[in-house]
Amino acid sequence: MDALKTAQYARALYSAHGDQAEAEAAQKMRECKDAGNMQQARDWQAVRQSIRQIRGPNQG
């Protein structure tokens, strides 16, 4: 998945799920890994990282 598509998925997931979007992406990543779909797992990891950037640093 290219960077533009990754960013689009991340924005859509964040819009739909808010702060739970990162957990949703992590779950999808685990499901792909468990199914042996390593490329899709890497794509979901990239989406997860993009969501993390959208959210910004943790507020402590």
N, C-alpha and C. Protein backbone atom coordinates (compact mmCIF):
# COMPACT_ATOMS: atom_id res chain seq x y z
N MET A 1 0.86 -1.17 0.00
CA MET A 1 0.00 0.00 0.00
C MET A 1 0.90 1.24 0.00
N ASP A 2 0.59 2.20 -0.86
CA ASP A 2 1.42 3.39 -0.91
C ASP A 2 1.08 4.36 0.22
N ALA A 3 1.92 5.34 0.41
CA ALA A 3 1.78 6.26 1.55
C ALA A 3 0.47 7.05 1.50
N LEU A 4 0.03 7.43 0.31
CA LEU A 4 -1.21 8.19 0.19
C LEU A 4 -2.40 7.34 0.62
N LYS A 5 -2.45 6.12 0.18
CA LYS A 5 -3.55 5.22 0.54
C LYS A 5 -3.51 4.91 2.04
N THR A 6 -2.32 4.74 2.58
CA THR A 6 -2.18 4.51 4.02
C THR A 6 -2.77 5.68 4.81
N ALA A 7 -2.43 6.89 4.40
CA ALA A 7 -2.94 8.08 5.08
C ALA A 7 -4.45 8.18 4.95
N GLN A 8 -4.99 7.84 3.80
CA GLN A 8 -6.44 7.88 3.60
C GLN A 8 -7.14 6.88 4.51
N TYR A 9 -6.63 5.66 4.59
CA TYR A 9 -7.20 4.65 5.48
C TYR A 9 -7.14 5.12 6.93
N ALA A 10 -6.00 5.68 7.31
CA ALA A 10 -5.82 6.14 8.69
C ALA A 10 -6.82 7.23 9.03
N ARG A 11 -6.99 8.21 8.14
CA ARG A 11 -7.93 9.30 8.39
C ARG A 11 -9.36 8.78 8.48
N ALA A 12 -9.71 7.87 7.58
CA ALA A 12 -11.07 7.32 7.59
C ALA A 12 -11.33 6.53 8.87
N LEU A 13 -10.37 5.72 9.27
CA LEU A 13 -10.52 4.93 10.48
C LEU A 13 -10.60 5.83 11.71
N TYR A 14 -9.78 6.87 11.74
CA TYR A 14 -9.81 7.79 12.87
C TYR A 14 -11.13 8.56 12.92
N SER A 15 -11.64 8.94 11.76
CA SER A 15 -12.93 9.63 11.71
C SER A 15 -14.06 8.73 12.22
N ALA A 16 -13.98 7.46 11.87
CA ALA A 16 -15.04 6.52 12.26
C ALA A 16 -14.94 6.07 13.71
N HIS A 17 -13.71 5.90 14.21
CA HIS A 17 -13.53 5.28 15.53
C HIS A 17 -12.88 6.18 16.57
N GLY A 18 -12.45 7.37 16.19
CA GLY A 18 -11.83 8.28 17.15
C GLY A 18 -10.59 7.66 17.78
N ASP A 19 -10.49 7.80 19.09
CA ASP A 19 -9.29 7.32 19.79
C ASP A 19 -9.16 5.80 19.78
N GLN A 20 -10.21 5.09 19.41
CA GLN A 20 -10.14 3.62 19.33
C GLN A 20 -9.58 3.14 17.99
N ALA A 21 -9.32 4.07 17.07
CA ALA A 21 -8.86 3.70 15.73
C ALA A 21 -7.53 2.96 15.77
N GLU A 22 -6.62 3.39 16.62
CA GLU A 22 -5.32 2.73 16.69
C GLU A 22 -5.48 1.28 17.16
N ALA A 23 -6.34 1.06 18.14
CA ALA A 23 -6.60 -0.30 18.62
C ALA A 23 -7.24 -1.14 17.53
N GLU A 24 -8.12 -0.54 16.75
CA GLU A 24 -8.77 -1.25 15.64
C GLU A 24 -7.73 -1.68 14.60
N ALA A 25 -6.82 -0.78 14.27
CA ALA A 25 -5.76 -1.11 13.30
C ALA A 25 -4.85 -2.20 13.86
N ALA A 26 -4.55 -2.15 15.15
CA ALA A 26 -3.71 -3.18 15.78
C ALA A 26 -4.40 -4.54 15.71
N GLN A 27 -5.70 -4.56 15.93
CA GLN A 27 -6.46 -5.81 15.86
C GLN A 27 -6.42 -6.38 14.44
N LYS A 28 -6.62 -5.52 13.45
CA LYS A 28 -6.56 -5.97 12.05
C LYS A 28 -5.17 -6.52 11.73
N MET A 29 -4.14 -5.85 12.25
CA MET A 29 -2.77 -6.30 12.02
C MET A 29 -2.57 -7.70 12.60
N ARG A 30 -3.04 -7.93 13.83
CA ARG A 30 -2.90 -9.25 14.46
C ARG A 30 -3.66 -10.32 13.69
N GLU A 31 -4.86 -9.99 13.22
CA GLU A 31 -5.65 -10.95 12.45
C GLU A 31 -4.92 -11.34 11.17
N CYS A 32 -4.32 -10.38 10.50
CA CYS A 32 -3.58 -10.67 9.27
C CYS A 32 -2.35 -11.53 9.56
N LYS A 33 -1.63 -11.20 10.64
CA LYS A 33 -0.47 -12.01 11.02
C LYS A 33 -0.87 -13.44 11.32
N ASP A 34 -1.95 -13.60 12.09
CA ASP A 34 -2.43 -14.94 12.45
C ASP A 34 -2.84 -15.74 11.22
N ALA A 35 -3.33 -15.05 10.20
CA ALA A 35 -3.76 -15.71 8.97
C ALA A 35 -2.60 -15.92 8.00
N GLY A 36 -1.42 -15.41 8.36
CA GLY A 36 -0.24 -15.58 7.52
C GLY A 36 -0.13 -14.54 6.41
N ASN A 37 -0.93 -13.49 6.46
CA ASN A 37 -0.90 -12.43 5.46
C ASN A 37 0.06 -11.33 5.92
N MET A 38 1.34 -11.56 5.77
CA MET A 38 2.33 -10.64 6.33
C MET A 38 2.33 -9.28 5.63
N GLN A 39 2.07 -9.24 4.33
CA GLN A 39 2.04 -7.94 3.64
C GLN A 39 0.88 -7.09 4.16
N GLN A 40 -0.28 -7.69 4.31
CA GLN A 40 -1.42 -6.96 4.86
C GLN A 40 -1.16 -6.53 6.30
N ALA A 41 -0.48 -7.36 7.06
CA ALA A 41 -0.12 -7.01 8.44
C ALA A 41 0.79 -5.78 8.45
N ARG A 42 1.74 -5.72 7.52
CA ARG A 42 2.63 -4.55 7.43
C ARG A 42 1.83 -3.31 7.02
N ASP A 43 0.87 -3.50 6.13
CA ASP A 43 0.02 -2.36 5.73
C ASP A 43 -0.75 -1.82 6.92
N TRP A 44 -1.32 -2.71 7.74
CA TRP A 44 -2.08 -2.27 8.91
C TRP A 44 -1.16 -1.63 9.94
N GLN A 45 0.08 -2.10 10.03
CA GLN A 45 1.04 -1.47 10.94
C GLN A 45 1.31 -0.03 10.49
N ALA A 46 1.43 0.16 9.18
CA ALA A 46 1.64 1.52 8.66
C ALA A 46 0.43 2.40 8.93
N VAL A 47 -0.77 1.85 8.79
CA VAL A 47 -1.99 2.60 9.10
C VAL A 47 -1.99 2.98 10.58
N ARG A 48 -1.62 2.04 11.41
CA ARG A 48 -1.57 2.30 12.86
C ARG A 48 -0.60 3.43 13.18
N GLN A 49 0.55 3.43 12.56
CA GLN A 49 1.52 4.49 12.81
C GLN A 49 1.01 5.84 12.30
N SER A 50 0.31 5.82 11.19
CA SER A 50 -0.26 7.05 10.66
C SER A 50 -1.34 7.60 11.61
N ILE A 51 -2.14 6.72 12.17
CA ILE A 51 -3.15 7.14 13.15
C ILE A 51 -2.47 7.76 14.36
N ARG A 52 -1.38 7.17 14.79
CA ARG A 52 -0.63 7.71 15.93
C ARG A 52 -0.16 9.14 15.63
N GLN A 53 0.26 9.38 14.39
CA GLN A 53 0.69 10.73 14.01
C GLN A 53 -0.49 11.69 14.00
N ILE A 54 -1.65 11.22 13.52
CA ILE A 54 -2.84 12.06 13.50
C ILE A 54 -3.23 12.46 14.93
N ARG A 55 -3.18 11.51 15.83
CA ARG A 55 -3.57 11.76 17.23
C ARG A 55 -2.61 12.72 17.92
N GLY A 56 -1.36 12.69 17.54
CA GLY A 56 -0.36 13.54 18.17
C GLY A 56 0.20 12.89 19.42
N PRO A 57 1.09 13.59 20.10
CA PRO A 57 1.71 13.01 21.31
C PRO A 57 0.69 12.80 22.41
N ASN A 58 0.95 11.81 23.24
CA ASN A 58 0.07 11.52 24.37
C ASN A 58 0.06 12.70 25.33
N GLN A 59 -1.11 13.01 25.82
CA GLN A 59 -1.24 14.07 26.80
C GLN A 59 -1.11 13.45 28.19
N GLY A 60 -0.15 13.89 28.94
CA GLY A 60 0.09 13.30 30.23
C GLY A 60 -0.40 14.12 31.32
